[in-house]
Amino acid sequence: GNRLAILRQAYDADRHVELIHLIDITRCSDPPPRLDEFP
């Protein structure tokens, strides 16, 4: 329960894409630490 993987929209080389971000939610920080991003 300490991390969330989210399917989000983003921009890559001026085009709309979908990515999965892995974020740490153990502390309420701005922004929450991003642990990984793929593909």
PDB file of all heavy atoms in Angstrom:
ATOM      1  N   GLY A   1       0.785  -1.225   0.000  1.00  0.00           N
ATOM      2  CA  GLY A   1       0.000   0.000   0.000  1.00  0.00           C
ATOM      3  C   GLY A   1       0.818   1.277   0.000  1.00  0.00           C
ATOM      4  O   GLY A   1       0.257   2.367   0.139  1.00  0.00           O
ATOM      5  N   ASN A   2       2.119   1.179  -0.198  1.00  0.00           N
ATOM      6  CA  ASN A   2       2.995   2.354  -0.155  1.00  0.00           C
ATOM      7  C   ASN A   2       3.227   2.992  -1.515  1.00  0.00           C
ATOM      8  O   ASN A   2       3.769   4.096  -1.592  1.00  0.00           O
ATOM      9  CB  ASN A   2       4.352   1.984   0.453  1.00  0.00           C
ATOM     10  CG  ASN A   2       4.257   1.646   1.922  1.00  0.00           C
ATOM     11  OD1 ASN A   2       3.354   2.116   2.618  1.00  0.00           O
ATOM     12  ND2 ASN A   2       5.162   0.815   2.403  1.00  0.00           N
ATOM     13  N   ARG A   3       2.836   2.293  -2.587  1.00  0.00           N
ATOM     14  CA  ARG A   3       3.063   2.810  -3.928  1.00  0.00           C
ATOM     15  C   ARG A   3       1.787   2.697  -4.756  1.00  0.00           C
ATOM     16  O   ARG A   3       0.951   1.830  -4.513  1.00  0.00           O
ATOM     17  CB  ARG A   3       4.188   2.049  -4.622  1.00  0.00           C
ATOM     18  CG  ARG A   3       5.569   2.247  -4.006  1.00  0.00           C
ATOM     19  CD  ARG A   3       6.555   1.234  -4.557  1.00  0.00           C
ATOM     20  NE  ARG A   3       6.231  -0.122  -4.097  1.00  0.00           N
ATOM     21  CZ  ARG A   3       6.690  -1.228  -4.672  1.00  0.00           C
ATOM     22  NH1 ARG A   3       7.463  -1.138  -5.746  1.00  0.00           N
ATOM     23  NH2 ARG A   3       6.379  -2.411  -4.187  1.00  0.00           N
ATOM     24  N   LEU A   4       1.689   3.566  -5.738  1.00  0.00           N
ATOM     25  CA  LEU A   4       0.606   3.508  -6.710  1.00  0.00           C
ATOM     26  C   LEU A   4       1.201   3.471  -8.107  1.00  0.00           C
ATOM     27  O   LEU A   4       2.140   4.214  -8.414  1.00  0.00           O
ATOM     28  CB  LEU A   4      -0.312   4.726  -6.599  1.00  0.00           C
ATOM     29  CG  LEU A   4      -1.496   4.679  -5.639  1.00  0.00           C
ATOM     30  CD1 LEU A   4      -2.252   6.004  -5.705  1.00  0.00           C
ATOM     31  CD2 LEU A   4      -2.432   3.522  -5.951  1.00  0.00           C
ATOM     32  N   ALA A   5       0.661   2.593  -8.941  1.00  0.00           N
ATOM     33  CA  ALA A   5       0.976   2.608 -10.363  1.00  0.00           C
ATOM     34  C   ALA A   5      -0.227   3.205 -11.075  1.00  0.00           C
ATOM     35  O   ALA A   5      -1.353   2.747 -10.885  1.00  0.00           O
ATOM     36  CB  ALA A   5       1.259   1.199 -10.872  1.00  0.00           C
ATOM     37  N   ILE A   6      -0.003   4.246 -11.846  1.00  0.00           N
ATOM     38  CA  ILE A   6      -1.107   4.940 -12.505  1.00  0.00           C
ATOM     39  C   ILE A   6      -0.922   4.915 -14.011  1.00  0.00           C
ATOM     40  O   ILE A   6       0.193   5.040 -14.526  1.00  0.00           O
ATOM     41  CB  ILE A   6      -1.233   6.394 -12.008  1.00  0.00           C
ATOM     42  CG1 ILE A   6       0.044   7.186 -12.290  1.00  0.00           C
ATOM     43  CG2 ILE A   6      -1.565   6.419 -10.520  1.00  0.00           C
ATOM     44  CD1 ILE A   6      -0.059   8.656 -11.967  1.00  0.00           C
ATOM     45  N   LEU A   7      -2.023   4.728 -14.727  1.00  0.00           N
ATOM     46  CA  LEU A   7      -2.040   4.842 -16.175  1.00  0.00           C
ATOM     47  C   LEU A   7      -2.458   6.270 -16.499  1.00  0.00           C
ATOM     48  O   LEU A   7      -3.586   6.668 -16.223  1.00  0.00           O
ATOM     49  CB  LEU A   7      -3.016   3.831 -16.780  1.00  0.00           C
ATOM     50  CG  LEU A   7      -3.178   3.853 -18.304  1.00  0.00           C
ATOM     51  CD1 LEU A   7      -1.837   3.628 -18.994  1.00  0.00           C
ATOM     52  CD2 LEU A   7      -4.203   2.827 -18.747  1.00  0.00           C
ATOM     53  N   ARG A   8      -1.546   7.043 -17.054  1.00  0.00           N
ATOM     54  CA  ARG A   8      -1.775   8.470 -17.241  1.00  0.00           C
ATOM     55  C   ARG A   8      -1.486   8.900 -18.671  1.00  0.00           C
ATOM     56  O   ARG A   8      -0.814   8.204 -19.433  1.00  0.00           O
ATOM     57  CB  ARG A   8      -0.891   9.277 -16.298  1.00  0.00           C
ATOM     58  CG  ARG A   8       0.598   9.071 -16.508  1.00  0.00           C
ATOM     59  CD  ARG A   8       1.412  10.215 -15.963  1.00  0.00           C
ATOM     60  NE  ARG A   8       1.175  11.451 -16.695  1.00  0.00           N
ATOM     61  CZ  ARG A   8       1.798  12.591 -16.455  1.00  0.00           C
ATOM     62  NH1 ARG A   8       2.703  12.658 -15.491  1.00  0.00           N
ATOM     63  NH2 ARG A   8       1.544  13.671 -17.155  1.00  0.00           N
ATOM     64  N   GLN A   9      -2.011  10.046 -19.016  1.00  0.00           N
ATOM     65  CA  GLN A   9      -1.718  10.655 -20.300  1.00  0.00           C
ATOM     66  C   GLN A   9      -0.485  11.548 -20.166  1.00  0.00           C
ATOM     67  O   GLN A   9      -0.261  12.150 -19.119  1.00  0.00           O
ATOM     68  CB  GLN A   9      -2.908  11.466 -20.792  1.00  0.00           C
ATOM     69  CG  GLN A   9      -4.150  10.634 -21.059  1.00  0.00           C
ATOM     70  CD  GLN A   9      -5.318  11.478 -21.521  1.00  0.00           C
ATOM     71  OE1 GLN A   9      -5.189  12.682 -21.751  1.00  0.00           O
ATOM     72  NE2 GLN A   9      -6.478  10.847 -21.672  1.00  0.00           N
ATOM     73  N   ALA A  10       0.289  11.615 -21.242  1.00  0.00           N
ATOM     74  CA  ALA A  10       1.489  12.443 -21.236  1.00  0.00           C
ATOM     75  C   ALA A  10       1.783  12.863 -22.661  1.00  0.00           C
ATOM     76  O   ALA A  10       1.093  12.474 -23.614  1.00  0.00           O
ATOM     77  CB  ALA A  10       2.655  11.671 -20.636  1.00  0.00           C
ATOM     78  N   TYR A  11       2.824  13.673 -22.805  1.00  0.00           N
ATOM     79  CA  TYR A  11       3.273  14.099 -24.124  1.00  0.00           C
ATOM     80  C   TYR A  11       4.723  13.655 -24.309  1.00  0.00           C
ATOM     81  O   TYR A  11       5.566  13.825 -23.430  1.00  0.00           O
ATOM     82  CB  TYR A  11       3.165  15.613 -24.284  1.00  0.00           C
ATOM     83  CG  TYR A  11       1.747  16.076 -24.492  1.00  0.00           C
ATOM     84  CD1 TYR A  11       0.969  16.482 -23.419  1.00  0.00           C
ATOM     85  CD2 TYR A  11       1.178  16.087 -25.767  1.00  0.00           C
ATOM     86  CE1 TYR A  11      -0.335  16.896 -23.598  1.00  0.00           C
ATOM     87  CE2 TYR A  11      -0.129  16.496 -25.967  1.00  0.00           C
ATOM     88  CZ  TYR A  11      -0.874  16.901 -24.878  1.00  0.00           C
ATOM     89  OH  TYR A  11      -2.173  17.298 -25.062  1.00  0.00           O
ATOM     90  N   ASP A  12       4.979  13.076 -25.471  1.00  0.00           N
ATOM     91  CA  ASP A  12       6.314  12.621 -25.810  1.00  0.00           C
ATOM     92  C   ASP A  12       6.583  13.034 -27.249  1.00  0.00           C
ATOM     93  O   ASP A  12       5.884  12.605 -28.174  1.00  0.00           O
ATOM     94  CB  ASP A  12       6.416  11.101 -25.658  1.00  0.00           C
ATOM     95  CG  ASP A  12       7.801  10.578 -25.983  1.00  0.00           C
ATOM     96  OD1 ASP A  12       8.757  11.350 -25.855  1.00  0.00           O
ATOM     97  OD2 ASP A  12       7.909   9.395 -26.363  1.00  0.00           O
ATOM     98  N   ALA A  13       7.583  13.884 -27.443  1.00  0.00           N
ATOM     99  CA  ALA A  13       7.920  14.392 -28.776  1.00  0.00           C
ATOM    100  C   ALA A  13       6.699  15.028 -29.438  1.00  0.00           C
ATOM    101  O   ALA A  13       6.374  14.758 -30.603  1.00  0.00           O
ATOM    102  CB  ALA A  13       8.484  13.273 -29.650  1.00  0.00           C
ATOM    103  N   ASP A  14       6.018  15.849 -28.653  1.00  0.00           N
ATOM    104  CA  ASP A  14       4.863  16.615 -29.149  1.00  0.00           C
ATOM    105  C   ASP A  14       3.700  15.741 -29.595  1.00  0.00           C
ATOM    106  O   ASP A  14       2.909  16.135 -30.457  1.00  0.00           O
ATOM    107  CB  ASP A  14       5.281  17.545 -30.301  1.00  0.00           C
ATOM    108  CG  ASP A  14       6.277  18.590 -29.844  1.00  0.00           C
ATOM    109  OD1 ASP A  14       6.161  19.045 -28.695  1.00  0.00           O
ATOM    110  OD2 ASP A  14       7.174  18.938 -30.648  1.00  0.00           O
ATOM    111  N   ARG A  15       3.586  14.569 -29.024  1.00  0.00           N
ATOM    112  CA  ARG A  15       2.430  13.731 -29.329  1.00  0.00           C
ATOM    113  C   ARG A  15       1.853  13.172 -28.047  1.00  0.00           C
ATOM    114  O   ARG A  15       2.535  13.001 -27.034  1.00  0.00           O
ATOM    115  CB  ARG A  15       2.806  12.588 -30.282  1.00  0.00           C
ATOM    116  CG  ARG A  15       3.753  11.570 -29.667  1.00  0.00           C
ATOM    117  CD  ARG A  15       4.328  10.624 -30.691  1.00  0.00           C
ATOM    118  NE  ARG A  15       5.222   9.680 -30.053  1.00  0.00           N
ATOM    119  CZ  ARG A  15       4.948   8.378 -29.901  1.00  0.00           C
ATOM    120  NH1 ARG A  15       3.823   7.888 -30.372  1.00  0.00           N
ATOM    121  NH2 ARG A  15       5.803   7.587 -29.301  1.00  0.00           N
ATOM    122  N   HIS A  16       0.579  12.889 -28.099  1.00  0.00           N
ATOM    123  CA  HIS A  16      -0.138  12.360 -26.936  1.00  0.00           C
ATOM    124  C   HIS A  16       0.134  10.867 -26.802  1.00  0.00           C
ATOM    125  O   HIS A  16       0.007  10.115 -27.765  1.00  0.00           O
ATOM    126  CB  HIS A  16      -1.635  12.607 -27.111  1.00  0.00           C
ATOM    127  CG  HIS A  16      -2.465  11.982 -26.045  1.00  0.00           C
ATOM    128  ND1 HIS A  16      -2.699  12.577 -24.827  1.00  0.00           N
ATOM    129  CD2 HIS A  16      -3.116  10.792 -26.000  1.00  0.00           C
ATOM    130  CE1 HIS A  16      -3.461  11.792 -24.086  1.00  0.00           C
ATOM    131  NE2 HIS A  16      -3.723  10.704 -24.776  1.00  0.00           N
ATOM    132  N   VAL A  17       0.537  10.419 -25.606  1.00  0.00           N
ATOM    133  CA  VAL A  17       0.810   9.010 -25.352  1.00  0.00           C
ATOM    134  C   VAL A  17       0.226   8.624 -24.001  1.00  0.00           C
ATOM    135  O   VAL A  17      -0.154   9.483 -23.194  1.00  0.00           O
ATOM    136  CB  VAL A  17       2.323   8.701 -25.357  1.00  0.00           C
ATOM    137  CG1 VAL A  17       2.945   9.057 -26.699  1.00  0.00           C
ATOM    138  CG2 VAL A  17       3.032   9.426 -24.217  1.00  0.00           C
ATOM    139  N   GLU A  18       0.173   7.315 -23.750  1.00  0.00           N
ATOM    140  CA  GLU A  18      -0.187   6.799 -22.433  1.00  0.00           C
ATOM    141  C   GLU A  18       1.029   6.127 -21.817  1.00  0.00           C
ATOM    142  O   GLU A  18       1.743   5.375 -22.489  1.00  0.00           O
ATOM    143  CB  GLU A  18      -1.353   5.813 -22.526  1.00  0.00           C
ATOM    144  CG  GLU A  18      -2.671   6.490 -22.855  1.00  0.00           C
ATOM    145  CD  GLU A  18      -3.861   5.552 -22.760  1.00  0.00           C
ATOM    146  OE1 GLU A  18      -3.654   4.317 -22.777  1.00  0.00           O
ATOM    147  OE2 GLU A  18      -4.991   6.059 -22.670  1.00  0.00           O
ATOM    148  N   LEU A  19       1.266   6.406 -20.543  1.00  0.00           N
ATOM    149  CA  LEU A  19       2.397   5.862 -19.806  1.00  0.00           C
ATOM    150  C   LEU A  19       1.924   5.317 -18.468  1.00  0.00           C
ATOM    151  O   LEU A  19       0.858   5.696 -17.969  1.00  0.00           O
ATOM    152  CB  LEU A  19       3.450   6.947 -19.543  1.00  0.00           C
ATOM    153  CG  LEU A  19       4.100   7.621 -20.742  1.00  0.00           C
ATOM    154  CD1 LEU A  19       4.934   8.809 -20.267  1.00  0.00           C
ATOM    155  CD2 LEU A  19       4.970   6.645 -21.514  1.00  0.00           C
ATOM    156  N   ILE A  20       2.727   4.451 -17.892  1.00  0.00           N
ATOM    157  CA  ILE A  20       2.496   3.995 -16.523  1.00  0.00           C
ATOM    158  C   ILE A  20       3.554   4.618 -15.642  1.00  0.00           C
ATOM    159  O   ILE A  20       4.754   4.489 -15.902  1.00  0.00           O
ATOM    160  CB  ILE A  20       2.531   2.459 -16.427  1.00  0.00           C
ATOM    161  CG1 ILE A  20       1.387   1.861 -17.260  1.00  0.00           C
ATOM    162  CG2 ILE A  20       2.432   2.006 -14.975  1.00  0.00           C
ATOM    163  CD1 ILE A  20       1.386   0.352 -17.322  1.00  0.00           C
ATOM    164  N   HIS A  21       3.110   5.332 -14.624  1.00  0.00           N
ATOM    165  CA  HIS A  21       4.014   5.929 -13.640  1.00  0.00           C
ATOM    166  C   HIS A  21       3.884   5.174 -12.325  1.00  0.00           C
ATOM    167  O   HIS A  21       2.776   4.816 -11.915  1.00  0.00           O
ATOM    168  CB  HIS A  21       3.667   7.398 -13.400  1.00  0.00           C
ATOM    169  CG  HIS A  21       4.176   8.308 -14.467  1.00  0.00           C
ATOM    170  ND1 HIS A  21       3.999   9.675 -14.434  1.00  0.00           N
ATOM    171  CD2 HIS A  21       4.864   8.057 -15.610  1.00  0.00           C
ATOM    172  CE1 HIS A  21       4.546  10.223 -15.500  1.00  0.00           C
ATOM    173  NE2 HIS A  21       5.071   9.265 -16.226  1.00  0.00           N
ATOM    174  N   LEU A  22       4.995   4.966 -11.675  1.00  0.00           N
ATOM    175  CA  LEU A  22       5.030   4.348 -10.355  1.00  0.00           C
ATOM    176  C   LEU A  22       5.447   5.423  -9.361  1.00  0.00           C
ATOM    177  O   LEU A  22       6.527   6.006  -9.484  1.00  0.00           O
ATOM    178  CB  LEU A  22       6.021   3.185 -10.352  1.00  0.00           C
ATOM    179  CG  LEU A  22       6.082   2.311  -9.102  1.00  0.00           C
ATOM    180  CD1 LEU A  22       4.738   1.662  -8.833  1.00  0.00           C
ATOM    181  CD2 LEU A  22       7.167   1.249  -9.252  1.00  0.00           C
ATOM    182  N   ILE A  23       4.577   5.716  -8.402  1.00  0.00           N
ATOM    183  CA  ILE A  23       4.841   6.809  -7.468  1.00  0.00           C
ATOM    184  C   ILE A  23       4.809   6.323  -6.026  1.00  0.00           C
ATOM    185  O   ILE A  23       4.100   5.375  -5.686  1.00  0.00           O
ATOM    186  CB  ILE A  23       3.840   7.974  -7.643  1.00  0.00           C
ATOM    187  CG1 ILE A  23       2.400   7.494  -7.444  1.00  0.00           C
ATOM    188  CG2 ILE A  23       3.995   8.627  -9.005  1.00  0.00           C
ATOM    189  CD1 ILE A  23       1.360   8.611  -7.526  1.00  0.00           C
ATOM    190  N   ASP A  24       5.600   6.993  -5.190  1.00  0.00           N
ATOM    191  CA  ASP A  24       5.676   6.711  -3.760  1.00  0.00           C
ATOM    192  C   ASP A  24       4.675   7.610  -3.043  1.00  0.00           C
ATOM    193  O   ASP A  24       4.700   8.829  -3.185  1.00  0.00           O
ATOM    194  CB  ASP A  24       7.094   7.000  -3.278  1.00  0.00           C
ATOM    195  CG  ASP A  24       7.311   6.686  -1.807  1.00  0.00           C
ATOM    196  OD1 ASP A  24       6.318   6.448  -1.083  1.00  0.00           O
ATOM    197  OD2 ASP A  24       8.476   6.689  -1.365  1.00  0.00           O
ATOM    198  N   ILE A  25       3.755   7.003  -2.278  1.00  0.00           N
ATOM    199  CA  ILE A  25       2.747   7.801  -1.580  1.00  0.00           C
ATOM    200  C   ILE A  25       2.883   7.677  -0.059  1.00  0.00           C
ATOM    201  O   ILE A  25       1.935   7.941   0.684  1.00  0.00           O
ATOM    202  CB  ILE A  25       1.321   7.409  -2.013  1.00  0.00           C
ATOM    203  CG1 ILE A  25       1.037   5.931  -1.710  1.00  0.00           C
ATOM    204  CG2 ILE A  25       1.113   7.688  -3.497  1.00  0.00           C
ATOM    205  CD1 ILE A  25      -0.422   5.552  -1.906  1.00  0.00           C
ATOM    206  N   THR A  26       4.064   7.284   0.396  1.00  0.00           N
ATOM    207  CA  THR A  26       4.246   7.104   1.838  1.00  0.00           C
ATOM    208  C   THR A  26       4.271   8.430   2.585  1.00  0.00           C
ATOM    209  O   THR A  26       4.019   8.479   3.774  1.00  0.00           O
ATOM    210  CB  THR A  26       5.549   6.337   2.137  1.00  0.00           C
ATOM    211  OG1 THR A  26       6.659   7.012   1.518  1.00  0.00           O
ATOM    212  CG2 THR A  26       5.458   4.918   1.612  1.00  0.00           C
ATOM    213  N   ARG A  27       4.595   9.486   1.877  1.00  0.00           N
ATOM    214  CA  ARG A  27       4.539  10.802   2.506  1.00  0.00           C
ATOM    215  C   ARG A  27       3.860  11.773   1.550  1.00  0.00           C
ATOM    216  O   ARG A  27       3.948  11.632   0.336  1.00  0.00           O
ATOM    217  CB  ARG A  27       5.940  11.304   2.867  1.00  0.00           C
ATOM    218  CG  ARG A  27       6.897  11.425   1.699  1.00  0.00           C
ATOM    219  CD  ARG A  27       8.287  11.818   2.171  1.00  0.00           C
ATOM    220  NE  ARG A  27       9.210  12.052   1.079  1.00  0.00           N
ATOM    221  CZ  ARG A  27       9.921  11.116   0.492  1.00  0.00           C
ATOM    222  NH1 ARG A  27       9.786   9.844   0.901  1.00  0.00           N
ATOM    223  NH2 ARG A  27      10.759  11.401  -0.497  1.00  0.00           N
ATOM    224  N   CYS A  28       3.202  12.757   2.111  1.00  0.00           N
ATOM    225  CA  CYS A  28       2.430  13.702   1.307  1.00  0.00           C
ATOM    226  C   CYS A  28       3.360  14.828   0.856  1.00  0.00           C
ATOM    227  O   CYS A  28       3.498  15.853   1.533  1.00  0.00           O
ATOM    228  CB  CYS A  28       1.268  14.257   2.129  1.00  0.00           C
ATOM    229  SG  CYS A  28       0.156  15.325   1.177  1.00  0.00           S
ATOM    230  N   SER A  29       4.017  14.621  -0.273  1.00  0.00           N
ATOM    231  CA  SER A  29       4.949  15.617  -0.788  1.00  0.00           C
ATOM    232  C   SER A  29       4.463  16.112  -2.143  1.00  0.00           C
ATOM    233  O   SER A  29       3.627  15.485  -2.796  1.00  0.00           O
ATOM    234  CB  SER A  29       6.352  15.016  -0.919  1.00  0.00           C
ATOM    235  OG  SER A  29       6.338  13.909  -1.808  1.00  0.00           O
ATOM    236  N   ASP A  30       5.000  17.244  -2.570  1.00  0.00           N
ATOM    237  CA  ASP A  30       4.618  17.837  -3.842  1.00  0.00           C
ATOM    238  C   ASP A  30       5.864  18.051  -4.694  1.00  0.00           C
ATOM    239  O   ASP A  30       6.677  18.932  -4.388  1.00  0.00           O
ATOM    240  CB  ASP A  30       3.900  19.170  -3.604  1.00  0.00           C
ATOM    241  CG  ASP A  30       3.378  19.784  -4.897  1.00  0.00           C
ATOM    242  OD1 ASP A  30       3.333  19.055  -5.911  1.00  0.00           O
ATOM    243  OD2 ASP A  30       3.017  20.977  -4.886  1.00  0.00           O
ATOM    244  N   PRO A  31       6.046  17.242  -5.747  1.00  0.00           N
ATOM    245  CA  PRO A  31       5.171  16.144  -6.142  1.00  0.00           C
ATOM    246  C   PRO A  31       5.554  14.861  -5.424  1.00  0.00           C
ATOM    247  O   PRO A  31       6.667  14.767  -4.896  1.00  0.00           O
ATOM    248  CB  PRO A  31       5.461  16.016  -7.641  1.00  0.00           C
ATOM    249  CG  PRO A  31       6.912  16.381  -7.747  1.00  0.00           C
ATOM    250  CD  PRO A  31       7.128  17.479  -6.731  1.00  0.00           C
ATOM    251  N   PRO A  32       4.691  13.852  -5.407  1.00  0.00           N
ATOM    252  CA  PRO A  32       5.077  12.556  -4.853  1.00  0.00           C
ATOM    253  C   PRO A  32       6.250  11.991  -5.650  1.00  0.00           C
ATOM    254  O   PRO A  32       6.302  12.141  -6.873  1.00  0.00           O
ATOM    255  CB  PRO A  32       3.815  11.700  -5.042  1.00  0.00           C
ATOM    256  CG  PRO A  32       2.703  12.679  -5.138  1.00  0.00           C
ATOM    257  CD  PRO A  32       3.275  13.865  -5.835  1.00  0.00           C
ATOM    258  N   PRO A  33       7.216  11.370  -5.001  1.00  0.00           N
ATOM    259  CA  PRO A  33       8.386  10.840  -5.709  1.00  0.00           C
ATOM    260  C   PRO A  33       7.987   9.849  -6.806  1.00  0.00           C
ATOM    261  O   PRO A  33       7.191   8.940  -6.568  1.00  0.00           O
ATOM    262  CB  PRO A  33       9.186  10.144  -4.604  1.00  0.00           C
ATOM    263  CG  PRO A  33       8.752  10.814  -3.346  1.00  0.00           C
ATOM    264  CD  PRO A  33       7.317  11.172  -3.545  1.00  0.00           C
ATOM    265  N   ARG A  34       8.520  10.060  -7.987  1.00  0.00           N
ATOM    266  CA  ARG A  34       8.265   9.169  -9.115  1.00  0.00           C
ATOM    267  C   ARG A  34       9.356   8.112  -9.153  1.00  0.00           C
ATOM    268  O   ARG A  34      10.537   8.424  -9.295  1.00  0.00           O
ATOM    269  CB  ARG A  34       8.231   9.957 -10.426  1.00  0.00           C
ATOM    270  CG  ARG A  34       7.818   9.116 -11.633  1.00  0.00           C
ATOM    271  CD  ARG A  34       7.842   9.947 -12.904  1.00  0.00           C
ATOM    272  NE  ARG A  34       6.960  11.098 -12.795  1.00  0.00           N
ATOM    273  CZ  ARG A  34       6.853  12.046 -13.737  1.00  0.00           C
ATOM    274  NH1 ARG A  34       7.592  11.961 -14.837  1.00  0.00           N
ATOM    275  NH2 ARG A  34       6.044  13.059 -13.571  1.00  0.00           N
ATOM    276  N   LEU A  35       8.980   6.858  -9.050  1.00  0.00           N
ATOM    277  CA  LEU A  35       9.939   5.760  -8.957  1.00  0.00           C
ATOM    278  C   LEU A  35      10.284   5.137 -10.303  1.00  0.00           C
ATOM    279  O   LEU A  35      11.372   4.600 -10.474  1.00  0.00           O
ATOM    280  CB  LEU A  35       9.392   4.677  -8.013  1.00  0.00           C
ATOM    281  CG  LEU A  35       8.982   5.154  -6.616  1.00  0.00           C
ATOM    282  CD1 LEU A  35       8.352   4.005  -5.838  1.00  0.00           C
ATOM    283  CD2 LEU A  35      10.177   5.724  -5.882  1.00  0.00           C
ATOM    284  N   ASP A  36       9.350   5.178 -11.229  1.00  0.00           N
ATOM    285  CA  ASP A  36       9.590   4.578 -12.541  1.00  0.00           C
ATOM    286  C   ASP A  36       8.556   5.115 -13.526  1.00  0.00           C
ATOM    287  O   ASP A  36       7.516   5.662 -13.125  1.00  0.00           O
ATOM    288  CB  ASP A  36       9.497   3.051 -12.468  1.00  0.00           C
ATOM    289  CG  ASP A  36      10.298   2.349 -13.566  1.00  0.00           C
ATOM    290  OD1 ASP A  36      10.722   3.034 -14.526  1.00  0.00           O
ATOM    291  OD2 ASP A  36      10.490   1.126 -13.476  1.00  0.00           O
ATOM    292  N   GLU A  37       8.865   4.933 -14.814  1.00  0.00           N
ATOM    293  CA  GLU A  37       7.972   5.365 -15.887  1.00  0.00           C
ATOM    294  C   GLU A  37       8.232   4.463 -17.085  1.00  0.00           C
ATOM    295  O   GLU A  37       9.385   4.270 -17.487  1.00  0.00           O
ATOM    296  CB  GLU A  37       8.263   6.824 -16.250  1.00  0.00           C
ATOM    297  CG  GLU A  37       7.472   7.340 -17.439  1.00  0.00           C
ATOM    298  CD  GLU A  37       7.891   8.749 -17.807  1.00  0.00           C
ATOM    299  OE1 GLU A  37       8.923   8.897 -18.516  1.00  0.00           O
ATOM    300  OE2 GLU A  37       7.203   9.686 -17.384  1.00  0.00           O
ATOM    301  N   PHE A  38       7.159   3.889 -17.649  1.00  0.00           N
ATOM    302  CA  PHE A  38       7.332   2.986 -18.791  1.00  0.00           C
ATOM    303  C   PHE A  38       6.055   2.935 -19.613  1.00  0.00           C
ATOM    304  O   PHE A  38       4.994   3.297 -19.112  1.00  0.00           O
ATOM    305  CB  PHE A  38       7.742   1.580 -18.298  1.00  0.00           C
ATOM    306  CG  PHE A  38       6.802   0.951 -17.302  1.00  0.00           C
ATOM    307  CD1 PHE A  38       5.769   0.113 -17.718  1.00  0.00           C
ATOM    308  CD2 PHE A  38       6.932   1.204 -15.942  1.00  0.00           C
ATOM    309  CE1 PHE A  38       4.896  -0.466 -16.801  1.00  0.00           C
ATOM    310  CE2 PHE A  38       6.067   0.629 -15.025  1.00  0.00           C
ATOM    311  CZ  PHE A  38       5.053  -0.200 -15.457  1.00  0.00           C
ATOM    312  N   PRO A  39       6.136   2.563 -20.931  1.00  0.00           N
ATOM    313  CA  PRO A  39       7.346   2.074 -21.592  1.00  0.00           C
ATOM    314  C   PRO A  39       8.418   3.144 -21.790  1.00  0.00           C
ATOM    315  O   PRO A  39       9.598   2.851 -21.679  1.00  0.00           O
ATOM    316  CB  PRO A  39       6.844   1.527 -22.925  1.00  0.00           C
ATOM    317  CG  PRO A  39       5.565   2.233 -23.166  1.00  0.00           C
ATOM    318  CD  PRO A  39       4.968   2.499 -21.811  1.00  0.00           C
TER     319      PRO A  39
END
